[in-house]
Every structure is written in structure tokens, then in C-alpha cells.
Amino acid sequence: MQVTELKNEGLKREFQITLSAADLSKQVDAKIVSLAKKVKMPGFRAGKVPLSIVKKKHGRAVLGEILESTVANTSRKLMADRKLLPALEPKVSIDSFDEGKDLIYNISFEIYPEVPNFDFSTISLERPKVTVEDKDIEEGLNRLQKAQRKLKPIEDNRAAKKGDTVVIDFEGSIAGEKFPGGTANNYRLELGSGSFIAGFEEQLEGAKKDERLDVKVTFPENYGSAELAGKDAVFAIKVNDILESELPEANDEFAKTIGFEDIAKLKEAIGKQIEDDFAGLAKIKLKKELFDKLDKECNFAIPEGMIDLEYSSLLQNDNEEVTTGTEEEKTRNAEYRELAVRRVKLGILLAELGKANSLNVTEDELRKAVFEQVRKFPGQEQRVIEFYQKNKDAMDHLRGPILEEKVVDFILSKTNITDKNISQKELLEFSQE
């Protein structure tokens, strides 16, 4: 095997590999001999067909098999001899190959980059810390009470107000014509819930039982149905009933109905849950700050092919196409490209740190992740379990985030972290970015 290096630029490598016709011919002849022992042809006993006839009939097919196996084997030898690790599947182009001729092919690829050592102790981070107040616990308790509320008809003939549930018949029309999905009877609608399009519920506030009225609204321009988007509509309404909420009293008996010893234990659990929720958001914010610093401070070459794949994936996930006609499209493409570079760089860094520090996902952790998915599909538990058992890609999809969290925790253990008190509003605003 003769190897000629054609390119060695950054991570890009290209080689021309030549194998002599004599070596290939030996492989073809050996394959023909092996094949002749099994070939059956009219007029000949099994295994007694002359080699010349076998070669004439199957020579081209054998030549193709030899080409495929030879390229694969010599490519692997090239990588092993030169200690090269391709970042993606190499590209192979055949320059010359035919019976009696040398095999000449080019192989090009990008190698996986070497990730430099980084002193994580030089990174300083601020971990957001939010204090859970009594009012937060009371609000959580109130949400539980609302979830357990009972609806009862109003006792006096008062007008409907926000928080009431009205039972209505409605019939919607656009320019006098009814439209699909615009009609219902005895529909329960909580005023102030935001369940219907803007302006609908507000116009029912002040209505009384048995009253008829028209509600006029405009469907949003981005409404899910293109036939209705941006259109003015009128809903003929009849108020059949008005129901008010009756909240259970927040006492020991209420706590027991949802599995707690008393109201004090329930409040303690609510506070703990709120703390955990805020801690989860704080971890996400801390992780983003860490990634921002790693992205800025860890510099190494990144394979263009990996960036291209991630870039295409981002576009595909957002149902976008590679178009560069307008300035807006050029800006969008540049933002996607920048995000792709960031993701590939951080992905390589985290993967290398995981390997270097023997961080792995245990079978127990993977089982827990599968059962978390199972819980999302009640009644289909066995099907979900079998899906993950038979689908390696799906299992890897679960393994990835678990390993990432392990590596992130490893990095955080090496950094300088100080707690910073922030308001709940600041933390919640971050979560909505």
C-alpha cells in the first residue's frame, strides 16, 4: 500500500492510497477459488465448475466486493498507523479501478481536535439564591385550595365576575357565516382564565343568568387556523348558569385529604417544593453562565463538518431553509451558525472531560431516566419500555443529558462559586428568556 499525503491543514487531512494490480488480482483469485467450491452450474457437478467460467460469470461482482473491503481495510490501517481519529465519516473518491489496474483512491476527513487542558479554578461564578417567603407558601397553599375547589350555583342573581365559571351556549360567525368549531352548548368557562381569545371573557363579566348577548372579538393574526386568523367574529351567547368557587378551608382536615399529617406539614412540603423549584432554575442559570465562560475562554479548532451538521439540524428543527436573499435572512443564518459553533465546541469539551475523568452513566441512572419517560404515558408503560430497550438511539438520547449534568457538576466542583441573593422576579425573568 502506497500512501501519499495530499492535505494537512488544521484539522483537514487528505490522502491518496494506491494498491497494486497484482495484490488486487491475488485477492480476486482467492475469492474466485473460494466461490468455485460453492457454485452450481448446469453440466457441472457442485464445486467442479472451472475457475475460468466462474471468473467470467462472477468476476465483476467479486471485483466490486474486493474494492469495498479493500478500501475499508486500508482506510482503517491508515488511521491506525498515523493515530488519526476522524471527527465524521471520511469521504472516499475512487480515482482509478478496473481489472488488471492499480486501485487509486482519495480519502479526506477532518480529525477530532485535541482539547487543551484548562484550569477551571480560574473561573468565578455567581450562584443565584432566592429566599422563600411566607407569602410564597401561602400562594402555593392557595393554588392547592383552588385545585380542590368545588363549583356551586350563585345564590343571588348577581352578575358574573372574574373567577366565576359561566355555563354558556355560543355560536360564532364571521360576516354572518358560521365557521367550524365555533359552536358549543353548556360550555364551562372560567372568567379570567385566558382560555379564550383576548376580549372574549372580559365581555362576559357583568352578564347575568339567562341573559343573551353578542361577544365581538378579532382572531389573532398568528391564530392556529389560517381561515380564522385576523378575522372579526361575533359570538351569540346565552348564559345558562353562573357558578362560583367554594374553596376548602386550609386546615388539618384539608391537609389530610391530600396525604399530609396536618397543615403545618403541608406548608413545610410546599416550602420545600418551592425551594427545589428555585434551586433548579438557579442551577440552569449557573450552567448558562458557565457555558458562556467556557465558550469564550476555551479555544480550540472545531471540525467544519460537525458545525455544518449542527447548523443544518438547527435549521431543520425550526423549519427553516438556507436562504440568503434578505439582510434578515443573512442575520438569522449568522445567528444559527454562531449557535452551531458554540454547541459543537461545548459538546466536544464536555465529551472529552467525561472520558478523561471516567464519568459514565450507570445502568441504574439510565433505568430511572426510562421510567421518567414511562410516567408520561400512563397505560402504555410496557410499550415505552420496549421502545427504549430496542432503540439504541433513543437510549443514547436519554444518556446524553445525564452525562452532561455529571460533567457540568464535575466542572462546577473545580470553579469558584459564590452565592448571590437575587429577587424571585429576576430568576423567573431569566427562566422566560
Protein backbone atom coordinates (compact mmCIF):
# COMPACT_ATOMS: atom_id res chain seq x y z
CA MET A 1 0.00 0.00 0.00
CA GLN A 2 1.42 3.35 -1.06
CA VAL A 3 0.17 6.41 0.86
CA THR A 4 0.65 9.99 -0.33
CA GLU A 5 -0.43 12.87 1.92
CA LEU A 6 -2.27 15.48 -0.15
CA LYS A 7 -3.51 17.85 2.56
CA ASN A 8 -2.58 18.62 6.16
CA GLU A 9 -4.23 21.91 7.05
CA GLY A 10 -5.55 22.42 10.55
CA LEU A 11 -7.94 19.53 11.16
CA LYS A 12 -8.28 18.66 7.47
CA ARG A 13 -6.47 15.63 6.09
CA GLU A 14 -6.44 14.09 2.62
CA PHE A 15 -4.50 11.10 1.35
CA GLN A 16 -4.11 9.24 -1.91
CA ILE A 17 -3.82 5.48 -1.47
CA THR A 18 -2.53 3.18 -4.22
CA LEU A 19 -2.76 -0.61 -4.18
CA SER A 20 -1.03 -2.60 -6.89
CA ALA A 21 -2.98 -4.54 -9.50
CA ALA A 22 -1.00 -7.65 -8.54
CA ASP A 23 -2.20 -7.52 -4.91
CA LEU A 24 -5.78 -6.97 -6.01
CA SER A 25 -5.57 -9.79 -8.51
CA LYS A 26 -4.41 -12.18 -5.77
CA GLN A 27 -7.43 -11.21 -3.66
CA VAL A 28 -9.81 -11.65 -6.62
CA ASP A 29 -8.33 -15.06 -7.50
CA ALA A 30 -8.57 -16.22 -3.88
CA LYS A 31 -12.21 -15.11 -3.75
CA ILE A 32 -12.95 -16.90 -7.07
CA VAL A 33 -11.37 -20.12 -5.77
CA SER A 34 -13.49 -19.92 -2.63
CA LEU A 35 -16.61 -19.15 -4.64
CA ALA A 36 -15.98 -22.00 -7.11
CA LYS A 37 -16.34 -24.52 -4.28
CA LYS A 38 -19.96 -23.49 -3.83
CA VAL A 39 -21.09 -22.52 -7.34
CA LYS A 40 -23.62 -24.75 -9.12
CA MET A 41 -23.99 -24.58 -12.90
CA PRO A 42 -25.74 -26.82 -15.44
CA GLY A 43 -23.44 -29.54 -16.81
CA PHE A 44 -21.05 -29.44 -13.88
CA ARG A 45 -21.02 -31.14 -10.52
CA ALA A 46 -21.19 -28.84 -7.50
CA GLY A 47 -17.75 -27.42 -6.79
CA LYS A 48 -16.33 -28.63 -10.11
CA VAL A 49 -17.04 -25.58 -12.27
CA PRO A 50 -13.80 -24.42 -13.98
CA LEU A 51 -12.30 -21.27 -12.45
CA SER A 52 -12.28 -19.51 -15.83
CA ILE A 53 -16.05 -19.91 -16.13
CA VAL A 54 -16.67 -18.81 -12.52
CA LYS A 55 -14.48 -15.77 -13.09
CA LYS A 56 -16.24 -14.87 -16.33
CA LYS A 57 -19.67 -15.09 -14.68
CA HIS A 58 -18.90 -13.59 -11.26
CA GLY A 59 -15.68 -11.64 -11.83
CA ARG A 60 -17.23 -8.16 -11.87
CA ALA A 61 -19.23 -8.80 -8.70
CA VAL A 62 -16.16 -10.19 -6.95
CA LEU A 63 -14.15 -7.19 -8.09
CA GLY A 64 -16.75 -4.89 -6.54
CA GLU A 65 -16.62 -6.78 -3.22
CA ILE A 66 -12.82 -6.61 -3.22
CA LEU A 67 -12.99 -2.87 -3.87
CA GLU A 68 -15.33 -2.29 -0.93
CA SER A 69 -13.41 -4.45 1.54
CA THR A 70 -10.00 -3.18 0.40
CA VAL A 71 -10.98 0.49 0.76
CA ALA A 72 -12.43 -0.18 4.24
CA ASN A 73 -9.41 -2.18 5.43
CA THR A 74 -6.73 0.11 4.04
CA SER A 75 -8.55 3.19 5.38
CA ARG A 76 -8.62 1.67 8.87
CA LYS A 77 -4.91 0.82 8.58
CA LEU A 78 -4.12 4.37 7.55
CA MET A 79 -5.95 5.75 10.62
CA ALA A 80 -4.28 3.26 12.95
CA ASP A 81 -0.76 3.75 11.54
CA ARG A 82 -0.98 7.53 11.80
CA LYS A 83 -3.05 7.59 15.00
CA LEU A 84 -5.79 9.67 13.41
CA LEU A 85 -9.36 9.87 14.75
CA PRO A 86 -11.86 11.15 12.16
CA ALA A 87 -14.49 13.53 13.52
CA LEU A 88 -17.02 12.28 10.95
CA GLU A 89 -17.27 9.54 8.32
CA PRO A 90 -14.41 10.05 5.80
CA LYS A 91 -15.20 10.85 2.18
CA VAL A 92 -13.77 8.42 -0.37
CA SER A 93 -13.41 9.00 -4.10
CA ILE A 94 -12.08 6.33 -6.48
CA ASP A 95 -9.62 7.74 -9.00
CA SER A 96 -8.79 4.52 -10.82
CA PHE A 97 -10.01 0.95 -10.51
CA ASP A 98 -10.54 -1.84 -13.00
CA GLU A 99 -9.44 -5.40 -13.63
CA GLY A 100 -5.69 -5.53 -14.17
CA LYS A 101 -5.15 -1.94 -12.97
CA ASP A 102 -3.93 -0.40 -9.74
CA LEU A 103 -6.57 0.82 -7.28
CA ILE A 104 -6.08 4.52 -6.61
CA TYR A 105 -8.42 6.36 -4.29
CA ASN A 106 -8.50 9.55 -2.26
CA ILE A 107 -9.73 9.73 1.31
CA SER A 108 -10.46 13.06 3.01
CA PHE A 109 -11.69 13.86 6.50
CA GLU A 110 -11.35 16.14 9.49
CA ILE A 111 -9.66 14.78 12.58
CA TYR A 112 -11.15 15.05 16.06
CA PRO A 113 -9.49 18.01 17.78
CA GLU A 114 -7.22 17.82 20.77
CA VAL A 115 -8.84 19.65 23.67
CA PRO A 116 -6.27 21.62 25.67
CA ASN A 117 -6.12 21.33 29.44
CA PHE A 118 -7.99 24.11 31.17
CA ASP A 119 -7.67 25.32 34.75
CA PHE A 120 -11.27 25.58 35.88
CA SER A 121 -10.19 27.17 39.16
CA THR A 122 -9.69 30.39 37.19
CA ILE A 123 -13.45 30.58 36.57
CA SER A 124 -15.56 32.55 39.04
CA LEU A 125 -19.32 32.14 39.02
CA GLU A 126 -22.26 33.57 40.94
CA ARG A 127 -24.97 31.16 42.00
CA PRO A 128 -28.39 32.85 42.26
CA LYS A 129 -30.03 32.42 45.63
CA VAL A 130 -33.69 33.17 46.26
CA THR A 131 -35.33 33.32 49.68
CA VAL A 132 -38.67 31.54 50.03
CA GLU A 133 -41.02 33.82 51.95
CA ASP A 134 -44.20 33.09 53.90
CA LYS A 135 -46.28 34.70 51.16
CA ASP A 136 -44.84 32.22 48.63
CA ILE A 137 -46.00 29.33 50.78
CA GLU A 138 -49.44 30.94 51.22
CA GLU A 139 -49.73 31.39 47.44
CA GLY A 140 -48.77 27.74 46.94
CA LEU A 141 -51.36 26.70 49.50
CA ASN A 142 -53.96 28.84 47.76
CA ARG A 143 -53.21 27.13 44.45
CA LEU A 144 -53.80 23.78 46.12
CA GLN A 145 -57.09 25.03 47.55
CA LYS A 146 -58.17 26.21 44.09
CA ALA A 147 -57.27 22.84 42.62
CA GLN A 148 -59.59 21.23 45.20
CA ARG A 149 -62.33 23.83 44.86
CA LYS A 150 -65.96 22.99 44.30
CA LEU A 151 -68.27 24.91 42.00
CA LYS A 152 -71.78 25.81 43.11
CA PRO A 153 -74.52 27.96 41.55
CA ILE A 154 -74.66 31.53 42.85
CA GLU A 155 -77.37 32.04 45.42
CA ASP A 156 -78.47 35.51 44.34
CA ASN A 157 -78.99 36.74 40.82
CA ARG A 158 -75.78 38.76 40.76
CA ALA A 159 -73.71 39.48 37.66
CA ALA A 160 -70.79 37.24 36.69
CA LYS A 161 -67.34 38.39 37.79
CA LYS A 162 -63.75 37.33 37.28
CA GLY A 163 -63.16 33.96 38.95
CA ASP A 164 -66.71 32.75 38.29
CA THR A 165 -67.40 29.91 35.90
CA VAL A 166 -70.14 30.64 33.41
CA VAL A 167 -72.05 27.86 31.66
CA ILE A 168 -72.81 29.10 28.17
CA ASP A 169 -74.16 28.18 24.76
CA PHE A 170 -72.34 30.01 21.96
CA GLU A 171 -72.48 30.24 18.20
CA GLY A 172 -69.72 32.03 16.32
CA SER A 173 -69.93 33.63 12.89
CA ILE A 174 -67.74 35.65 10.55
CA ALA A 175 -69.52 38.06 8.22
CA GLY A 176 -72.76 36.26 9.10
CA GLU A 177 -71.45 32.80 8.23
CA LYS A 178 -70.91 30.10 10.88
CA PHE A 179 -67.45 28.52 10.99
CA PRO A 180 -66.28 25.04 12.11
CA GLY A 181 -65.58 24.74 15.83
CA GLY A 182 -67.42 27.95 16.63
CA THR A 183 -70.46 26.38 18.31
CA ALA A 184 -70.93 24.66 21.69
CA ASN A 185 -73.62 24.05 24.31
CA ASN A 186 -73.29 24.18 28.12
CA TYR A 187 -69.63 25.07 27.85
CA ARG A 188 -67.95 25.86 31.19
CA LEU A 189 -65.65 28.87 31.02
CA GLU A 190 -63.78 30.34 33.99
CA LEU A 191 -63.67 34.11 33.59
CA GLY A 192 -60.12 35.42 33.82
CA SER A 193 -58.55 32.07 32.91
CA GLY A 194 -57.39 33.29 29.50
CA SER A 195 -58.80 30.13 27.89
CA PHE A 196 -60.43 32.01 25.01
CA ILE A 197 -59.03 34.66 22.68
CA ALA A 198 -58.40 38.14 24.07
CA GLY A 199 -61.51 40.12 24.86
CA PHE A 200 -63.94 37.19 24.96
CA GLU A 201 -64.04 36.51 28.69
CA GLU A 202 -63.98 40.19 29.67
CA GLN A 203 -67.23 40.82 27.77
CA LEU A 204 -68.98 38.14 29.84
CA GLU A 205 -68.11 39.87 33.10
CA GLY A 206 -71.31 41.61 34.25
CA ALA A 207 -73.63 39.20 32.44
CA LYS A 208 -76.46 37.54 34.36
CA LYS A 209 -78.06 34.12 34.24
CA ASP A 210 -80.39 33.58 31.24
CA GLU A 211 -79.02 36.72 29.56
CA ARG A 212 -78.29 36.75 25.84
CA LEU A 213 -75.54 38.90 24.37
CA ASP A 214 -73.16 39.18 21.46
CA VAL A 215 -69.42 38.99 22.07
CA LYS A 216 -67.29 40.63 19.37
CA VAL A 217 -63.66 39.61 19.01
CA THR A 218 -60.83 39.55 16.48
CA PHE A 219 -58.82 36.38 15.99
CA PRO A 220 -55.05 36.95 16.33
CA GLU A 221 -53.00 37.18 13.13
CA ASN A 222 -50.99 34.14 14.26
CA TYR A 223 -54.06 32.06 15.14
CA GLY A 224 -53.67 28.33 14.53
CA SER A 225 -56.38 28.22 11.87
CA ALA A 226 -55.45 30.21 8.77
CA GLU A 227 -59.15 30.53 7.85
CA LEU A 228 -59.83 32.44 11.08
CA ALA A 229 -56.53 34.31 11.61
CA GLY A 230 -57.03 38.07 11.72
CA LYS A 231 -60.80 37.82 11.13
CA ASP A 232 -63.51 39.68 13.08
CA ALA A 233 -66.05 37.34 14.65
CA VAL A 234 -69.31 37.61 16.57
CA PHE A 235 -70.38 35.02 19.14
CA ALA A 236 -74.06 34.83 20.06
CA ILE A 237 -74.05 33.88 23.76
CA LYS A 238 -76.70 32.54 26.12
CA VAL A 239 -75.69 32.39 29.79
CA ASN A 240 -77.26 29.22 31.21
CA ASP A 241 -75.75 29.42 34.68
CA ILE A 242 -73.13 31.15 36.81
CA LEU A 243 -71.06 29.10 39.23
CA GLU A 244 -68.84 30.41 42.00
CA SER A 245 -65.86 28.68 43.57
CA GLU A 246 -66.05 27.32 47.06
CA LEU A 247 -62.53 26.82 48.39
CA PRO A 248 -61.85 24.24 51.11
CA GLU A 249 -60.63 25.73 54.36
CA ALA A 250 -56.86 25.50 54.85
CA ASN A 251 -56.78 23.37 57.99
CA ASP A 252 -55.59 19.97 59.20
CA GLU A 253 -58.53 18.19 57.59
CA PHE A 254 -57.69 19.70 54.22
CA ALA A 255 -54.05 18.64 54.61
CA LYS A 256 -55.11 15.08 55.35
CA THR A 257 -57.22 14.89 52.16
CA ILE A 258 -54.05 15.30 50.13
CA GLY A 259 -51.88 12.98 52.22
CA PHE A 260 -50.28 15.13 54.94
CA GLU A 261 -50.41 14.78 58.69
CA ASP A 262 -51.52 18.37 59.32
CA ILE A 263 -51.47 21.85 57.80
CA ALA A 264 -48.01 22.56 59.21
CA LYS A 265 -46.54 19.53 57.40
CA LEU A 266 -48.32 20.56 54.20
CA LYS A 267 -46.87 24.08 54.39
CA GLU A 268 -43.43 22.62 55.06
CA ALA A 269 -43.73 20.44 51.93
CA ILE A 270 -44.92 23.42 49.86
CA GLY A 271 -41.92 25.45 51.03
CA LYS A 272 -39.54 22.61 50.20
CA GLN A 273 -41.06 22.24 46.73
CA ILE A 274 -40.71 25.97 46.06
CA GLU A 275 -37.08 25.84 47.27
CA ASP A 276 -36.40 22.93 44.93
CA ASP A 277 -38.03 24.75 42.01
CA PHE A 278 -35.94 27.86 42.60
CA ALA A 279 -32.80 25.75 43.07
CA GLY A 280 -33.48 24.10 39.72
CA LEU A 281 -33.80 27.48 37.99
CA ALA A 282 -30.67 28.71 39.78
CA LYS A 283 -28.75 25.66 38.51
CA ILE A 284 -29.87 26.37 34.94
CA LYS A 285 -28.74 30.00 35.25
CA LEU A 286 -25.42 28.95 36.78
CA LYS A 287 -24.92 26.40 34.00
CA LYS A 288 -25.58 29.05 31.32
CA GLU A 289 -23.05 31.38 32.92
CA LEU A 290 -20.53 28.52 32.99
CA PHE A 291 -21.13 27.70 29.33
CA ASP A 292 -20.76 31.37 28.37
CA LYS A 293 -17.34 31.47 30.03
CA LEU A 294 -16.22 28.13 28.61
CA ASP A 295 -17.32 29.22 25.14
CA LYS A 296 -15.30 32.43 25.48
CA GLU A 297 -12.19 31.11 27.21
CA CYS A 298 -11.72 27.57 25.81
CA ASN A 299 -10.39 27.97 22.30
CA PHE A 300 -9.52 25.07 20.02
CA ALA A 301 -10.09 24.14 16.39
CA ILE A 302 -13.55 22.72 15.59
CA PRO A 303 -14.31 20.41 12.63
CA GLU A 304 -16.26 22.32 9.98
CA GLY A 305 -18.21 19.19 9.11
CA MET A 306 -19.57 18.92 12.65
CA ILE A 307 -20.56 22.59 12.58
CA ASP A 308 -22.34 22.10 9.25
CA LEU A 309 -24.33 19.16 10.64
CA GLU A 310 -25.36 21.07 13.77
CA TYR A 311 -26.24 24.14 11.69
CA SER A 312 -28.46 22.05 9.40
CA SER A 313 -30.07 20.42 12.43
CA LEU A 314 -30.90 23.81 13.96
CA LEU A 315 -32.49 25.00 10.73
CA GLN A 316 -34.45 21.77 10.37
CA ASN A 317 -35.71 21.87 13.96
CA ASP A 318 -37.04 25.38 13.41
CA ASN A 319 -38.44 24.50 9.97
CA GLU A 320 -36.09 26.98 8.31
CA GLU A 321 -34.26 26.77 4.99
CA VAL A 322 -30.83 28.04 3.99
CA THR A 323 -31.78 31.24 2.20
CA THR A 324 -29.65 34.37 1.92
CA GLY A 325 -31.82 36.76 -0.05
CA THR A 326 -32.55 39.41 2.57
CA GLU A 327 -30.49 41.03 5.30
CA GLU A 328 -32.86 39.49 7.83
CA GLU A 329 -32.14 36.00 6.43
CA LYS A 330 -28.40 36.66 6.46
CA THR A 331 -28.59 37.78 10.09
CA ARG A 332 -30.67 34.74 11.01
CA ASN A 333 -28.22 32.38 9.29
CA ALA A 334 -25.28 34.02 11.06
CA GLU A 335 -27.02 33.56 14.43
CA TYR A 336 -27.72 29.90 13.70
CA ARG A 337 -24.11 29.43 12.60
CA GLU A 338 -22.80 31.05 15.78
CA LEU A 339 -25.05 28.84 17.90
CA ALA A 340 -23.89 25.75 15.98
CA VAL A 341 -20.23 26.62 16.67
CA ARG A 342 -20.98 27.09 20.37
CA ARG A 343 -22.86 23.79 20.67
CA VAL A 344 -20.20 21.77 18.85
CA LYS A 345 -17.37 23.32 20.88
CA LEU A 346 -19.09 22.71 24.21
CA GLY A 347 -20.15 19.23 23.13
CA ILE A 348 -16.57 18.24 22.30
CA LEU A 349 -15.26 19.79 25.51
CA LEU A 350 -17.80 18.02 27.74
CA ALA A 351 -17.30 14.70 25.95
CA GLU A 352 -13.53 14.86 26.38
CA LEU A 353 -13.81 15.82 30.03
CA GLY A 354 -16.19 12.92 30.59
CA LYS A 355 -13.73 10.45 29.07
CA ALA A 356 -10.67 11.92 30.75
CA ASN A 357 -12.30 11.72 34.18
CA SER A 358 -14.06 8.37 33.71
CA LEU A 359 -17.53 9.90 34.09
CA ASN A 360 -20.14 7.43 32.92
CA VAL A 361 -23.88 6.90 33.09
CA THR A 362 -24.75 3.90 35.25
CA GLU A 363 -27.41 1.37 34.33
CA ASP A 364 -29.39 2.43 37.38
CA GLU A 365 -29.36 6.07 36.24
CA LEU A 366 -30.46 5.01 32.78
CA ARG A 367 -33.29 2.91 34.20
CA LYS A 368 -34.50 5.88 36.23
CA ALA A 369 -34.48 8.04 33.10
CA VAL A 370 -36.52 5.43 31.21
CA PHE A 371 -39.09 5.25 33.99
CA GLU A 372 -39.34 9.04 33.99
CA GLN A 373 -40.41 8.72 30.35
CA VAL A 374 -42.76 5.85 31.21
CA ARG A 375 -44.61 8.07 33.70
CA LYS A 376 -45.51 10.45 30.87
CA PHE A 377 -47.50 7.75 29.06
CA PRO A 378 -49.96 6.15 31.50
CA GLY A 379 -51.48 2.97 30.13
CA GLN A 380 -48.63 2.48 27.64
CA GLU A 381 -45.87 1.64 30.11
CA GLN A 382 -44.80 -1.67 28.56
CA ARG A 383 -44.69 -0.23 25.03
CA VAL A 384 -42.49 2.66 26.18
CA ILE A 385 -40.09 0.31 27.99
CA GLU A 386 -39.82 -1.95 24.94
CA PHE A 387 -39.24 1.07 22.71
CA TYR A 388 -36.17 2.10 24.70
CA GLN A 389 -34.94 -1.48 25.04
CA LYS A 390 -34.98 -1.93 21.26
CA ASN A 391 -33.91 1.57 20.20
CA LYS A 392 -30.25 2.39 20.88
CA ASP A 393 -30.55 5.94 19.52
CA ALA A 394 -33.46 6.65 21.87
CA MET A 395 -31.48 5.27 24.81
CA ASP A 396 -28.47 7.40 23.84
CA HIS A 397 -30.82 10.39 23.73
CA LEU A 398 -31.54 9.76 27.42
CA ARG A 399 -27.91 9.04 28.28
CA GLY A 400 -26.60 12.32 26.82
CA PRO A 401 -28.24 14.80 29.23
CA ILE A 402 -27.39 12.64 32.26
CA LEU A 403 -23.70 12.54 31.27
CA GLU A 404 -23.74 16.26 30.53
CA GLU A 405 -25.03 17.02 34.03
CA LYS A 406 -22.29 14.83 35.54
CA VAL A 407 -19.59 16.65 33.60
CA VAL A 408 -21.08 20.04 34.46
CA ASP A 409 -21.14 19.13 38.15
CA PHE A 410 -17.51 17.99 37.86
CA ILE A 411 -16.50 21.34 36.33
CA LEU A 412 -18.50 23.31 38.90
CA SER A 413 -16.71 21.44 41.68
CA LYS A 414 -13.45 22.93 40.34
CA THR A 415 -14.68 26.52 39.93
CA ASN A 416 -15.04 29.38 42.41
CA ILE A 417 -18.73 29.79 43.21
CA THR A 418 -20.22 32.46 45.43
CA ASP A 419 -23.90 32.80 46.28
CA LYS A 420 -25.70 35.94 45.16
CA ASN A 421 -29.09 36.89 46.53
CA ILE A 422 -31.48 37.88 43.77
CA SER A 423 -35.21 38.50 43.66
CA GLN A 424 -37.68 35.88 42.57
CA LYS A 425 -38.65 38.23 39.74
CA GLU A 426 -35.09 38.27 38.36
CA LEU A 427 -34.85 34.49 38.44
CA LEU A 428 -38.26 33.99 36.87
CA GLU A 429 -37.48 36.53 34.15
CA PHE A 430 -34.34 34.56 33.30
CA SER A 431 -36.37 31.34 33.01
CA GLN A 432 -38.64 33.01 30.45
CA GLU A 433 -35.81 34.24 28.20
